[in-house]
Amino acid sequence: MVHLSIECKFTDQPTRNRLEHPLLAVLESVHETGSIGKAAKSLGRSYRFVWGELKYWESELNADLIIWGRNHTGAELTPQAVQFLSDVSKTHVDLERHVAQIKNRVEECVSALKSASNATH
């Protein structure tokens, strides 16, 4: 079973309203580049790291993610992995709206906290 947790991070830098996970980054990069080597380069990782991540997640999820051994010219996601990325993309659309609402509420809470703190000093 896969468990999901969503964490809150306080920062003065802009943040993205999307799910972030190493598997998503690897799958997206392999899908976009058509190659494990090119995906590794675009992610700033080694070929061995990306290959290892794919093998690890295939084992962990008990699902095929890459069509292995078809040819030596590239890498192809399985139809299930492509569908997974599509479904996650749809989830990002829903999530963006909810995260924006949460960010606004937290900003209001932080502003109230600052106002209360400034009033006592």
PDB file of N, CA and C in Angstrom:
ATOM      1  N   MET A   1       0.838  -1.175   0.000  1.00  0.00           N
ATOM      2  CA  MET A   1       0.000   0.000   0.000  1.00  0.00           C
ATOM      3  C   MET A   1       0.890   1.248   0.000  1.00  0.00           C
ATOM      4  N   VAL A   2       0.492   2.230  -0.755  1.00  0.00           N
ATOM      5  CA  VAL A   2       1.217   3.488  -0.825  1.00  0.00           C
ATOM      6  C   VAL A   2       0.507   4.497   0.066  1.00  0.00           C
ATOM      7  N   HIS A   3       1.282   5.196   0.867  1.00  0.00           N
ATOM      8  CA  HIS A   3       0.727   6.225   1.743  1.00  0.00           C
ATOM      9  C   HIS A   3       1.173   7.584   1.225  1.00  0.00           C
ATOM     10  N   LEU A   4       0.319   8.566   1.365  1.00  0.00           N
ATOM     11  CA  LEU A   4       0.610   9.920   0.896  1.00  0.00           C
ATOM     12  C   LEU A   4       0.530  10.873   2.065  1.00  0.00           C
ATOM     13  N   SER A   5       1.505  11.733   2.179  1.00  0.00           N
ATOM     14  CA  SER A   5       1.428  12.806   3.163  1.00  0.00           C
ATOM     15  C   SER A   5       1.725  14.110   2.434  1.00  0.00           C
ATOM     16  N   ILE A   6       1.044  15.127   2.854  1.00  0.00           N
ATOM     17  CA  ILE A   6       1.258  16.452   2.286  1.00  0.00           C
ATOM     18  C   ILE A   6       1.808  17.314   3.400  1.00  0.00           C
ATOM     19  N   GLU A   7       2.926  17.952   3.138  1.00  0.00           N
ATOM     20  CA  GLU A   7       3.609  18.726   4.158  1.00  0.00           C
ATOM     21  C   GLU A   7       3.520  20.206   3.866  1.00  0.00           C
ATOM     22  N   CYS A   8       3.568  20.960   4.921  1.00  0.00           N
ATOM     23  CA  CYS A   8       3.534  22.418   4.828  1.00  0.00           C
ATOM     24  C   CYS A   8       4.955  22.943   5.054  1.00  0.00           C
ATOM     25  N   LYS A   9       5.367  23.890   4.242  1.00  0.00           N
ATOM     26  CA  LYS A   9       6.711  24.451   4.361  1.00  0.00           C
ATOM     27  C   LYS A   9       6.579  25.968   4.391  1.00  0.00           C
ATOM     28  N   PHE A  10       7.128  26.604   5.401  1.00  0.00           N
ATOM     29  CA  PHE A  10       7.134  28.056   5.480  1.00  0.00           C
ATOM     30  C   PHE A  10       8.412  28.566   4.833  1.00  0.00           C
ATOM     31  N   THR A  11       8.257  29.401   3.832  1.00  0.00           N
ATOM     32  CA  THR A  11       9.404  29.943   3.121  1.00  0.00           C
ATOM     33  C   THR A  11       9.040  31.300   2.535  1.00  0.00           C
ATOM     34  N   ASP A  12      10.040  32.121   2.308  1.00  0.00           N
ATOM     35  CA  ASP A  12       9.777  33.406   1.660  1.00  0.00           C
ATOM     36  C   ASP A  12       9.956  33.307   0.146  1.00  0.00           C
ATOM     37  N   GLN A  13      10.223  32.088  -0.328  1.00  0.00           N
ATOM     38  CA  GLN A  13      10.373  31.836  -1.756  1.00  0.00           C
ATOM     39  C   GLN A  13       9.071  31.265  -2.323  1.00  0.00           C
ATOM     40  N   PRO A  14       8.759  31.552  -3.584  1.00  0.00           N
ATOM     41  CA  PRO A  14       7.558  30.962  -4.193  1.00  0.00           C
ATOM     42  C   PRO A  14       7.655  29.432  -4.212  1.00  0.00           C
ATOM     43  N   THR A  15       6.528  28.786  -4.041  1.00  0.00           N
ATOM     44  CA  THR A  15       6.478  27.331  -4.073  1.00  0.00           C
ATOM     45  C   THR A  15       5.503  26.878  -5.152  1.00  0.00           C
ATOM     46  N   ARG A  16       5.634  25.628  -5.534  1.00  0.00           N
ATOM     47  CA  ARG A  16       4.769  25.070  -6.574  1.00  0.00           C
ATOM     48  C   ARG A  16       3.574  24.384  -5.916  1.00  0.00           C
ATOM     49  N   ASN A  17       2.427  24.474  -6.555  1.00  0.00           N
ATOM     50  CA  ASN A  17       1.211  23.851  -6.046  1.00  0.00           C
ATOM     51  C   ASN A  17       1.003  22.501  -6.712  1.00  0.00           C
ATOM     52  N   ARG A  18       1.955  21.608  -6.554  1.00  0.00           N
ATOM     53  CA  ARG A  18       1.849  20.304  -7.183  1.00  0.00           C
ATOM     54  C   ARG A  18       2.516  19.256  -6.317  1.00  0.00           C
ATOM     55  N   LEU A  19       2.144  18.022  -6.546  1.00  0.00           N
ATOM     56  CA  LEU A  19       2.775  16.920  -5.849  1.00  0.00           C
ATOM     57  C   LEU A  19       4.192  16.759  -6.381  1.00  0.00           C
ATOM     58  N   GLU A  20       5.112  16.592  -5.491  1.00  0.00           N
ATOM     59  CA  GLU A  20       6.500  16.400  -5.894  1.00  0.00           C
ATOM     60  C   GLU A  20       6.977  15.073  -5.310  1.00  0.00           C
ATOM     61  N   HIS A  21       7.537  14.266  -6.138  1.00  0.00           N
ATOM     62  CA  HIS A  21       8.070  12.980  -5.694  1.00  0.00           C
ATOM     63  C   HIS A  21       9.129  12.555  -6.707  1.00  0.00           C
ATOM     64  N   PRO A  22      10.213  11.953  -6.235  1.00  0.00           N
ATOM     65  CA  PRO A  22      11.265  11.532  -7.172  1.00  0.00           C
ATOM     66  C   PRO A  22      10.753  10.639  -8.295  1.00  0.00           C
ATOM     67  N   LEU A  23       9.800   9.746  -8.007  1.00  0.00           N
ATOM     68  CA  LEU A  23       9.264   8.877  -9.050  1.00  0.00           C
ATOM     69  C   LEU A  23       8.583   9.685 -10.143  1.00  0.00           C
ATOM     70  N   LEU A  24       7.803  10.688  -9.761  1.00  0.00           N
ATOM     71  CA  LEU A  24       7.122  11.515 -10.758  1.00  0.00           C
ATOM     72  C   LEU A  24       8.131  12.215 -11.652  1.00  0.00           C
ATOM     73  N   ALA A  25       9.174  12.774 -11.035  1.00  0.00           N
ATOM     74  CA  ALA A  25      10.200  13.477 -11.815  1.00  0.00           C
ATOM     75  C   ALA A  25      10.891  12.534 -12.792  1.00  0.00           C
ATOM     76  N   VAL A  26      11.215  11.327 -12.334  1.00  0.00           N
ATOM     77  CA  VAL A  26      11.894  10.350 -13.192  1.00  0.00           C
ATOM     78  C   VAL A  26      10.984   9.930 -14.347  1.00  0.00           C
ATOM     79  N   LEU A  27       9.736   9.583 -14.028  1.00  0.00           N
ATOM     80  CA  LEU A  27       8.819   9.147 -15.089  1.00  0.00           C
ATOM     81  C   LEU A  27       8.565  10.257 -16.101  1.00  0.00           C
ATOM     82  N   GLU A  28       8.343  11.480 -15.612  1.00  0.00           N
ATOM     83  CA  GLU A  28       8.103  12.599 -16.527  1.00  0.00           C
ATOM     84  C   GLU A  28       9.298  12.821 -17.437  1.00  0.00           C
ATOM     85  N   SER A  29      10.493  12.755 -16.856  1.00  0.00           N
ATOM     86  CA  SER A  29      11.702  13.003 -17.636  1.00  0.00           C
ATOM     87  C   SER A  29      11.945  11.903 -18.666  1.00  0.00           C
ATOM     88  N   VAL A  30      11.766  10.646 -18.282  1.00  0.00           N
ATOM     89  CA  VAL A  30      11.933   9.543 -19.241  1.00  0.00           C
ATOM     90  C   VAL A  30      10.897   9.681 -20.352  1.00  0.00           C
ATOM     91  N   HIS A  31       9.678  10.010 -19.994  1.00  0.00           N
ATOM     92  CA  HIS A  31       8.609  10.151 -20.988  1.00  0.00           C
ATOM     93  C   HIS A  31       8.921  11.289 -21.972  1.00  0.00           C
ATOM     94  N   GLU A  32       9.414  12.406 -21.438  1.00  0.00           N
ATOM     95  CA  GLU A  32       9.715  13.567 -22.289  1.00  0.00           C
ATOM     96  C   GLU A  32      10.943  13.346 -23.165  1.00  0.00           C
ATOM     97  N   THR A  33      11.970  12.698 -22.620  1.00  0.00           N
ATOM     98  CA  THR A  33      13.228  12.558 -23.363  1.00  0.00           C
ATOM     99  C   THR A  33      13.315  11.264 -24.162  1.00  0.00           C
ATOM    100  N   GLY A  34      12.550  10.239 -23.757  1.00  0.00           N
ATOM    101  CA  GLY A  34      12.595   8.956 -24.444  1.00  0.00           C
ATOM    102  C   GLY A  34      13.853   8.156 -24.174  1.00  0.00           C
ATOM    103  N   SER A  35      14.550   8.505 -23.084  1.00  0.00           N
ATOM    104  CA  SER A  35      15.816   7.848 -22.800  1.00  0.00           C
ATOM    105  C   SER A  35      16.130   7.966 -21.315  1.00  0.00           C
ATOM    106  N   ILE A  36      16.619   6.885 -20.731  1.00  0.00           N
ATOM    107  CA  ILE A  36      17.031   6.940 -19.335  1.00  0.00           C
ATOM    108  C   ILE A  36      18.259   7.844 -19.190  1.00  0.00           C
ATOM    109  N   GLY A  37      19.188   7.736 -20.138  1.00  0.00           N
ATOM    110  CA  GLY A  37      20.390   8.570 -20.098  1.00  0.00           C
ATOM    111  C   GLY A  37      20.071  10.051 -20.205  1.00  0.00           C
ATOM    112  N   LYS A  38      19.191  10.411 -21.131  1.00  0.00           N
ATOM    113  CA  LYS A  38      18.807  11.815 -21.293  1.00  0.00           C
ATOM    114  C   LYS A  38      18.003  12.291 -20.092  1.00  0.00           C
ATOM    115  N   ALA A  39      17.168  11.412 -19.546  1.00  0.00           N
ATOM    116  CA  ALA A  39      16.405  11.761 -18.343  1.00  0.00           C
ATOM    117  C   ALA A  39      17.359  12.036 -17.184  1.00  0.00           C
ATOM    118  N   ALA A  40      18.357  11.180 -17.047  1.00  0.00           N
ATOM    119  CA  ALA A  40      19.342  11.364 -15.974  1.00  0.00           C
ATOM    120  C   ALA A  40      20.047  12.704 -16.120  1.00  0.00           C
ATOM    121  N   LYS A  41      20.444  13.026 -17.332  1.00  0.00           N
ATOM    122  CA  LYS A  41      21.133  14.293 -17.582  1.00  0.00           C
ATOM    123  C   LYS A  41      20.227  15.481 -17.245  1.00  0.00           C
ATOM    124  N   SER A  42      18.950  15.421 -17.669  1.00  0.00           N
ATOM    125  CA  SER A  42      18.049  16.546 -17.407  1.00  0.00           C
ATOM    126  C   SER A  42      17.735  16.686 -15.915  1.00  0.00           C
ATOM    127  N   LEU A  43      17.818  15.576 -15.175  1.00  0.00           N
ATOM    128  CA  LEU A  43      17.566  15.623 -13.734  1.00  0.00           C
ATOM    129  C   LEU A  43      18.837  15.911 -12.931  1.00  0.00           C
ATOM    130  N   GLY A  44      19.978  15.961 -13.617  1.00  0.00           N
ATOM    131  CA  GLY A  44      21.241  16.169 -12.911  1.00  0.00           C
ATOM    132  C   GLY A  44      21.653  14.951 -12.099  1.00  0.00           C
ATOM    133  N   ARG A  45      21.256  13.768 -12.566  1.00  0.00           N
ATOM    134  CA  ARG A  45      21.554  12.524 -11.878  1.00  0.00           C
ATOM    135  C   ARG A  45      22.317  11.590 -12.809  1.00  0.00           C
ATOM    136  N   SER A  46      22.804  10.508 -12.244  1.00  0.00           N
ATOM    137  CA  SER A  46      23.508   9.521 -13.059  1.00  0.00           C
ATOM    138  C   SER A  46      22.501   8.559 -13.691  1.00  0.00           C
ATOM    139  N   TYR A  47      22.933   7.915 -14.762  1.00  0.00           N
ATOM    140  CA  TYR A  47      22.116   6.881 -15.408  1.00  0.00           C
ATOM    141  C   TYR A  47      21.784   5.802 -14.382  1.00  0.00           C
ATOM    142  N   ARG A  48      22.780   5.409 -13.629  1.00  0.00           N
ATOM    143  CA  ARG A  48      22.601   4.347 -12.631  1.00  0.00           C
ATOM    144  C   ARG A  48      21.546   4.723 -11.600  1.00  0.00           C
ATOM    145  N   PHE A  49      21.521   5.981 -11.169  1.00  0.00           N
ATOM    146  CA  PHE A  49      20.522   6.437 -10.198  1.00  0.00           C
ATOM    147  C   PHE A  49      19.114   6.317 -10.775  1.00  0.00           C
ATOM    148  N   VAL A  50      18.903   6.830 -11.981  1.00  0.00           N
ATOM    149  CA  VAL A  50      17.576   6.801 -12.608  1.00  0.00           C
ATOM    150  C   VAL A  50      17.143   5.360 -12.845  1.00  0.00           C
ATOM    151  N   TRP A  51      18.039   4.534 -13.368  1.00  0.00           N
ATOM    152  CA  TRP A  51      17.736   3.125 -13.587  1.00  0.00           C
ATOM    153  C   TRP A  51      17.353   2.468 -12.262  1.00  0.00           C
ATOM    154  N   GLY A  52      18.123   2.749 -11.217  1.00  0.00           N
ATOM    155  CA  GLY A  52      17.845   2.192  -9.889  1.00  0.00           C
ATOM    156  C   GLY A  52      16.500   2.642  -9.333  1.00  0.00           C
ATOM    157  N   GLU A  53      16.172   3.911  -9.521  1.00  0.00           N
ATOM    158  CA  GLU A  53      14.867   4.417  -9.069  1.00  0.00           C
ATOM    159  C   GLU A  53      13.732   3.705  -9.777  1.00  0.00           C
ATOM    160  N   LEU A  54      13.860   3.536 -11.084  1.00  0.00           N
ATOM    161  CA  LEU A  54      12.820   2.849 -11.844  1.00  0.00           C
ATOM    162  C   LEU A  54      12.655   1.407 -11.368  1.00  0.00           C
ATOM    163  N   LYS A  55      13.755   0.705 -11.196  1.00  0.00           N
ATOM    164  CA  LYS A  55      13.699  -0.680 -10.730  1.00  0.00           C
ATOM    165  C   LYS A  55      13.120  -0.748  -9.306  1.00  0.00           C
ATOM    166  N   TYR A  56      13.540   0.185  -8.447  1.00  0.00           N
ATOM    167  CA  TYR A  56      13.041   0.209  -7.070  1.00  0.00           C
ATOM    168  C   TYR A  56      11.524   0.387  -7.051  1.00  0.00           C
ATOM    169  N   TRP A  57      11.024   1.366  -7.804  1.00  0.00           N
ATOM    170  CA  TRP A  57       9.595   1.654  -7.783  1.00  0.00           C
ATOM    171  C   TRP A  57       8.782   0.576  -8.484  1.00  0.00           C
ATOM    172  N   GLU A  58       9.348  -0.072  -9.481  1.00  0.00           N
ATOM    173  CA  GLU A  58       8.646  -1.207 -10.073  1.00  0.00           C
ATOM    174  C   GLU A  58       8.442  -2.297  -9.016  1.00  0.00           C
ATOM    175  N   SER A  59       9.474  -2.549  -8.237  1.00  0.00           N
ATOM    176  CA  SER A  59       9.387  -3.560  -7.186  1.00  0.00           C
ATOM    177  C   SER A  59       8.438  -3.107  -6.074  1.00  0.00           C
ATOM    178  N   GLU A  60       8.573  -1.883  -5.652  1.00  0.00           N
ATOM    179  CA  GLU A  60       7.765  -1.342  -4.554  1.00  0.00           C
ATOM    180  C   GLU A  60       6.272  -1.314  -4.904  1.00  0.00           C
ATOM    181  N   LEU A  61       5.965  -0.921  -6.123  1.00  0.00           N
ATOM    182  CA  LEU A  61       4.572  -0.801  -6.561  1.00  0.00           C
ATOM    183  C   LEU A  61       4.040  -2.090  -7.188  1.00  0.00           C
ATOM    184  N   ASN A  62       4.939  -3.041  -7.403  1.00  0.00           N
ATOM    185  CA  ASN A  62       4.587  -4.286  -8.084  1.00  0.00           C
ATOM    186  C   ASN A  62       3.899  -3.981  -9.417  1.00  0.00           C
ATOM    187  N   ALA A  63       4.525  -3.084 -10.174  1.00  0.00           N
ATOM    188  CA  ALA A  63       3.971  -2.648 -11.462  1.00  0.00           C
ATOM    189  C   ALA A  63       5.112  -2.367 -12.427  1.00  0.00           C
ATOM    190  N   ASP A  64       4.897  -2.670 -13.684  1.00  0.00           N
ATOM    191  CA  ASP A  64       5.886  -2.346 -14.710  1.00  0.00           C
ATOM    192  C   ASP A  64       5.764  -0.873 -15.074  1.00  0.00           C
ATOM    193  N   LEU A  65       6.898  -0.186 -15.115  1.00  0.00           N
ATOM    194  CA  LEU A  65       6.924   1.236 -15.459  1.00  0.00           C
ATOM    195  C   LEU A  65       7.592   1.489 -16.803  1.00  0.00           C
ATOM    196  N   ILE A  66       8.579   0.663 -17.132  1.00  0.00           N
ATOM    197  CA  ILE A  66       9.375   0.828 -18.355  1.00  0.00           C
ATOM    198  C   ILE A  66       9.288  -0.453 -19.175  1.00  0.00           C
ATOM    199  N   ILE A  67       9.236  -0.301 -20.469  1.00  0.00           N
ATOM    200  CA  ILE A  67       9.333  -1.452 -21.358  1.00  0.00           C
ATOM    201  C   ILE A  67      10.823  -1.703 -21.533  1.00  0.00           C
ATOM    202  N   TRP A  68      11.327  -2.700 -20.815  1.00  0.00           N
ATOM    203  CA  TRP A  68      12.757  -2.990 -20.773  1.00  0.00           C
ATOM    204  C   TRP A  68      13.159  -3.906 -21.928  1.00  0.00           C
ATOM    205  N   GLY A  69      14.348  -3.648 -22.464  1.00  0.00           N
ATOM    206  CA  GLY A  69      14.973  -4.558 -23.405  1.00  0.00           C
ATOM    207  C   GLY A  69      14.417  -4.566 -24.805  1.00  0.00           C
ATOM    208  N   ARG A  70      13.567  -3.620 -25.128  1.00  0.00           N
ATOM    209  CA  ARG A  70      13.004  -3.617 -26.478  1.00  0.00           C
ATOM    210  C   ARG A  70      14.060  -3.212 -27.504  1.00  0.00           C
ATOM    211  N   ASN A  71      14.794  -2.166 -27.178  1.00  0.00           N
ATOM    212  CA  ASN A  71      15.890  -1.757 -28.062  1.00  0.00           C
ATOM    213  C   ASN A  71      16.907  -0.988 -27.239  1.00  0.00           C
ATOM    214  N   HIS A  72      17.993  -0.690 -27.816  1.00  0.00           N
ATOM    215  CA  HIS A  72      19.054   0.017 -27.089  1.00  0.00           C
ATOM    216  C   HIS A  72      19.086   1.492 -27.445  1.00  0.00           C
ATOM    217  N   THR A  73      18.056   1.973 -28.114  1.00  0.00           N
ATOM    218  CA  THR A  73      18.080   3.370 -28.550  1.00  0.00           C
ATOM    219  C   THR A  73      17.277   4.294 -27.656  1.00  0.00           C
ATOM    220  N   GLY A  74      16.543   3.764 -26.687  1.00  0.00           N
ATOM    221  CA  GLY A  74      15.751   4.636 -25.841  1.00  0.00           C
ATOM    222  C   GLY A  74      14.966   3.867 -24.807  1.00  0.00           C
ATOM    223  N   ALA A  75      14.106   4.596 -24.124  1.00  0.00           N
ATOM    224  CA  ALA A  75      13.269   3.995 -23.098  1.00  0.00           C
ATOM    225  C   ALA A  75      11.833   4.437 -23.333  1.00  0.00           C
ATOM    226  N   GLU A  76      10.926   3.529 -23.032  1.00  0.00           N
ATOM    227  CA  GLU A  76       9.516   3.819 -23.238  1.00  0.00           C
ATOM    228  C   GLU A  76       8.751   3.436 -21.979  1.00  0.00           C
ATOM    229  N   LEU A  77       7.847   4.320 -21.550  1.00  0.00           N
ATOM    230  CA  LEU A  77       7.003   3.992 -20.413  1.00  0.00           C
ATOM    231  C   LEU A  77       5.948   2.990 -20.843  1.00  0.00           C
ATOM    232  N   THR A  78       5.549   2.147 -19.907  1.00  0.00           N
ATOM    233  CA  THR A  78       4.450   1.235 -20.177  1.00  0.00           C
ATOM    234  C   THR A  78       3.161   2.055 -20.300  1.00  0.00           C
ATOM    235  N   PRO A  79       2.154   1.516 -20.945  1.00  0.00           N
ATOM    236  CA  PRO A  79       0.870   2.231 -21.003  1.00  0.00           C
ATOM    237  C   PRO A  79       0.329   2.569 -19.611  1.00  0.00           C
ATOM    238  N   GLN A  80       0.563   1.690 -18.645  1.00  0.00           N
ATOM    239  CA  GLN A  80       0.107   1.953 -17.280  1.00  0.00           C
ATOM    240  C   GLN A  80       0.841   3.144 -16.670  1.00  0.00           C
ATOM    241  N   ALA A  81       2.125   3.265 -16.936  1.00  0.00           N
ATOM    242  CA  ALA A  81       2.899   4.389 -16.401  1.00  0.00           C
ATOM    243  C   ALA A  81       2.466   5.698 -17.067  1.00  0.00           C
ATOM    244  N   VAL A  82       2.177   5.655 -18.356  1.00  0.00           N
ATOM    245  CA  VAL A  82       1.682   6.840 -19.067  1.00  0.00           C
ATOM    246  C   VAL A  82       0.338   7.258 -18.483  1.00  0.00           C
ATOM    247  N   GLN A  83      -0.542   6.288 -18.223  1.00  0.00           N
ATOM    248  CA  GLN A  83      -1.851   6.580 -17.625  1.00  0.00           C
ATOM    249  C   GLN A  83      -1.675   7.153 -16.223  1.00  0.00           C
ATOM    250  N   PHE A  84      -0.744   6.598 -15.473  1.00  0.00           N
ATOM    251  CA  PHE A  84      -0.438   7.096 -14.134  1.00  0.00           C
ATOM    252  C   PHE A  84      -0.039   8.570 -14.190  1.00  0.00           C
ATOM    253  N   LEU A  85       0.864   8.927 -15.111  1.00  0.00           N
ATOM    254  CA  LEU A  85       1.274  10.326 -15.249  1.00  0.00           C
ATOM    255  C   LEU A  85       0.096  11.208 -15.650  1.00  0.00           C
ATOM    256  N   SER A  86      -0.753  10.719 -16.516  1.00  0.00           N
ATOM    257  CA  SER A  86      -1.939  11.472 -16.929  1.00  0.00           C
ATOM    258  C   SER A  86      -2.868  11.711 -15.742  1.00  0.00           C
ATOM    259  N   ASP A  87      -3.081  10.677 -14.944  1.00  0.00           N
ATOM    260  CA  ASP A  87      -3.948  10.809 -13.770  1.00  0.00           C
ATOM    261  C   ASP A  87      -3.345  11.761 -12.735  1.00  0.00           C
ATOM    262  N   VAL A  88      -2.040  11.694 -12.545  1.00  0.00           N
ATOM    263  CA  VAL A  88      -1.383  12.605 -11.609  1.00  0.00           C
ATOM    264  C   VAL A  88      -1.502  14.039 -12.118  1.00  0.00           C
ATOM    265  N   SER A  89      -1.390  14.232 -13.427  1.00  0.00           N
ATOM    266  CA  SER A  89      -1.543  15.561 -14.012  1.00  0.00           C
ATOM    267  C   SER A  89      -2.937  16.127 -13.725  1.00  0.00           C
ATOM    268  N   LYS A  90      -3.956  15.302 -13.851  1.00  0.00           N
ATOM    269  CA  LYS A  90      -5.326  15.732 -13.531  1.00  0.00           C
ATOM    270  C   LYS A  90      -5.447  16.066 -12.047  1.00  0.00           C
ATOM    271  N   THR A  91      -4.775  15.285 -11.219  1.00  0.00           N
ATOM    272  CA  THR A  91      -4.782  15.536  -9.779  1.00  0.00           C
ATOM    273  C   THR A  91      -4.126  16.884  -9.475  1.00  0.00           C
ATOM    274  N   HIS A  92      -3.068  17.224 -10.215  1.00  0.00           N
ATOM    275  CA  HIS A  92      -2.406  18.518 -10.016  1.00  0.00           C
ATOM    276  C   HIS A  92      -3.366  19.669 -10.277  1.00  0.00           C
ATOM    277  N   VAL A  93      -4.210  19.545 -11.287  1.00  0.00           N
ATOM    278  CA  VAL A  93      -5.180  20.594 -11.596  1.00  0.00           C
ATOM    279  C   VAL A  93      -6.105  20.808 -10.401  1.00  0.00           C
ATOM    280  N   ASP A  94      -6.620  19.723  -9.842  1.00  0.00           N
ATOM    281  CA  ASP A  94      -7.482  19.826  -8.658  1.00  0.00           C
ATOM    282  C   ASP A  94      -6.708  20.374  -7.465  1.00  0.00           C
ATOM    283  N   LEU A  95      -5.511  19.879  -7.291  1.00  0.00           N
ATOM    284  CA  LEU A  95      -4.701  20.247  -6.135  1.00  0.00           C
ATOM    285  C   LEU A  95      -4.316  21.721  -6.142  1.00  0.00           C
ATOM    286  N   GLU A  96      -4.006  22.261  -7.303  1.00  0.00           N
ATOM    287  CA  GLU A  96      -3.578  23.659  -7.386  1.00  0.00           C
ATOM    288  C   GLU A  96      -4.604  24.611  -6.757  1.00  0.00           C
ATOM    289  N   ARG A  97      -5.866  24.373  -7.051  1.00  0.00           N
ATOM    290  CA  ARG A  97      -6.919  25.230  -6.508  1.00  0.00           C
ATOM    291  C   ARG A  97      -6.981  25.112  -4.981  1.00  0.00           C
ATOM    292  N   HIS A  98      -6.924  23.882  -4.483  1.00  0.00           N
ATOM    293  CA  HIS A  98      -6.999  23.658  -3.041  1.00  0.00           C
ATOM    294  C   HIS A  98      -5.777  24.211  -2.315  1.00  0.00           C
ATOM    295  N   VAL A  99      -4.607  24.016  -2.881  1.00  0.00           N
ATOM    296  CA  VAL A  99      -3.390  24.520  -2.246  1.00  0.00           C
ATOM    297  C   VAL A  99      -3.400  26.046  -2.217  1.00  0.00           C
ATOM    298  N   ALA A 100      -3.880  26.677  -3.282  1.00  0.00           N
ATOM    299  CA  ALA A 100      -3.971  28.143  -3.297  1.00  0.00           C
ATOM    300  C   ALA A 100      -4.882  28.627  -2.170  1.00  0.00           C
ATOM    301  N   GLN A 101      -5.996  27.955  -1.938  1.00  0.00           N
ATOM    302  CA  GLN A 101      -6.897  28.329  -0.839  1.00  0.00           C
ATOM    303  C   GLN A 101      -6.209  28.149   0.506  1.00  0.00           C
ATOM    304  N   ILE A 102      -5.514  27.041   0.672  1.00  0.00           N
ATOM    305  CA  ILE A 102      -4.807  26.779   1.925  1.00  0.00           C
ATOM    306  C   ILE A 102      -3.723  27.823   2.148  1.00  0.00           C
ATOM    307  N   LYS A 103      -2.965  28.160   1.090  1.00  0.00           N
ATOM    308  CA  LYS A 103      -1.918  29.179   1.213  1.00  0.00           C
ATOM    309  C   LYS A 103      -2.515  30.500   1.668  1.00  0.00           C
ATOM    310  N   ASN A 104      -3.650  30.882   1.091  1.00  0.00           N
ATOM    311  CA  ASN A 104      -4.289  32.141   1.490  1.00  0.00           C
ATOM    312  C   ASN A 104      -4.691  32.111   2.958  1.00  0.00           C
ATOM    313  N   ARG A 105      -5.253  31.011   3.410  1.00  0.00           N
ATOM    314  CA  ARG A 105      -5.639  30.892   4.820  1.00  0.00           C
ATOM    315  C   ARG A 105      -4.429  30.970   5.742  1.00  0.00           C
ATOM    316  N   VAL A 106      -3.367  30.265   5.378  1.00  0.00           N
ATOM    317  CA  VAL A 106      -2.161  30.285   6.210  1.00  0.00           C
ATOM    318  C   VAL A 106      -1.558  31.689   6.230  1.00  0.00           C
ATOM    319  N   GLU A 107      -1.543  32.372   5.085  1.00  0.00           N
ATOM    320  CA  GLU A 107      -1.038  33.751   5.047  1.00  0.00           C
ATOM    321  C   GLU A 107      -1.859  34.648   5.959  1.00  0.00           C
ATOM    322  N   GLU A 108      -3.180  34.461   5.981  1.00  0.00           N
ATOM    323  CA  GLU A 108      -4.032  35.232   6.884  1.00  0.00           C
ATOM    324  C   GLU A 108      -3.694  34.921   8.340  1.00  0.00           C
ATOM    325  N   CYS A 109      -3.456  33.651   8.653  1.00  0.00           N
ATOM    326  CA  CYS A 109      -3.084  33.258  10.016  1.00  0.00           C
ATOM    327  C   CYS A 109      -1.743  33.868  10.421  1.00  0.00           C
ATOM    328  N   VAL A 110      -0.784  33.843   9.513  1.00  0.00           N
ATOM    329  CA  VAL A 110       0.534  34.416   9.802  1.00  0.00           C
ATOM    330  C   VAL A 110       0.412  35.928   9.990  1.00  0.00           C
ATOM    331  N   SER A 111      -0.379  36.586   9.159  1.00  0.00           N
ATOM    332  CA  SER A 111      -0.591  38.037   9.302  1.00  0.00           C
ATOM    333  C   SER A 111      -1.234  38.351  10.640  1.00  0.00           C
ATOM    334  N   ALA A 112      -2.215  37.563  11.043  1.00  0.00           N
ATOM    335  CA  ALA A 112      -2.869  37.770  12.339  1.00  0.00           C
ATOM    336  C   ALA A 112      -1.883  37.548  13.472  1.00  0.00           C
ATOM    337  N   LEU A 113      -1.037  36.549  13.334  1.00  0.00           N
ATOM    338  CA  LEU A 113      -0.022  36.256  14.346  1.00  0.00           C
ATOM    339  C   LEU A 113       0.946  37.441  14.463  1.00  0.00           C
ATOM    340  N   LYS A 114       1.394  37.953  13.321  1.00  0.00           N
ATOM    341  CA  LYS A 114       2.311  39.099  13.334  1.00  0.00           C
ATOM    342  C   LYS A 114       1.651  40.318  13.944  1.00  0.00           C
ATOM    343  N   SER A 115       0.392  40.560  13.597  1.00  0.00           N
ATOM    344  CA  SER A 115      -0.338  41.714  14.127  1.00  0.00           C
ATOM    345  C   SER A 115      -0.473  41.604  15.630  1.00  0.00           C
ATOM    346  N   ALA A 116      -0.817  40.424  16.117  1.00  0.00           N
ATOM    347  CA  ALA A 116      -0.957  40.210  17.559  1.00  0.00           C
ATOM    348  C   ALA A 116       0.391  40.372  18.254  1.00  0.00           C
ATOM    349  N   SER A 117       1.447  39.892  17.615  1.00  0.00           N
ATOM    350  CA  SER A 117       2.786  39.990  18.186  1.00  0.00           C
ATOM    351  C   SER A 117       3.250  41.442  18.234  1.00  0.00           C
ATOM    352  N   ASN A 118       2.984  42.208  17.164  1.00  0.00           N
ATOM    353  CA  ASN A 118       3.366  43.615  17.116  1.00  0.00           C
ATOM    354  C   ASN A 118       2.579  44.429  18.125  1.00  0.00           C
ATOM    355  N   ALA A 119       1.337  44.072  18.389  1.00  0.00           N
ATOM    356  CA  ALA A 119       0.504  44.794  19.350  1.00  0.00           C
ATOM    357  C   ALA A 119       1.001  44.614  20.775  1.00  0.00           C
ATOM    358  N   THR A 120       1.672  43.502  21.072  1.00  0.00           N
ATOM    359  CA  THR A 120       2.156  43.252  22.430  1.00  0.00           C
ATOM    360  C   THR A 120       3.546  43.813  22.677  1.00  0.00           C
ATOM    361  N   HIS A 121       4.198  44.249  21.603  1.00  0.00           N
ATOM    362  CA  HIS A 121       5.569  44.801  21.780  1.00  0.00           C
ATOM    363  C   HIS A 121       5.540  46.263  21.893  1.00  0.00           C
TER     364      HIS A 121
END
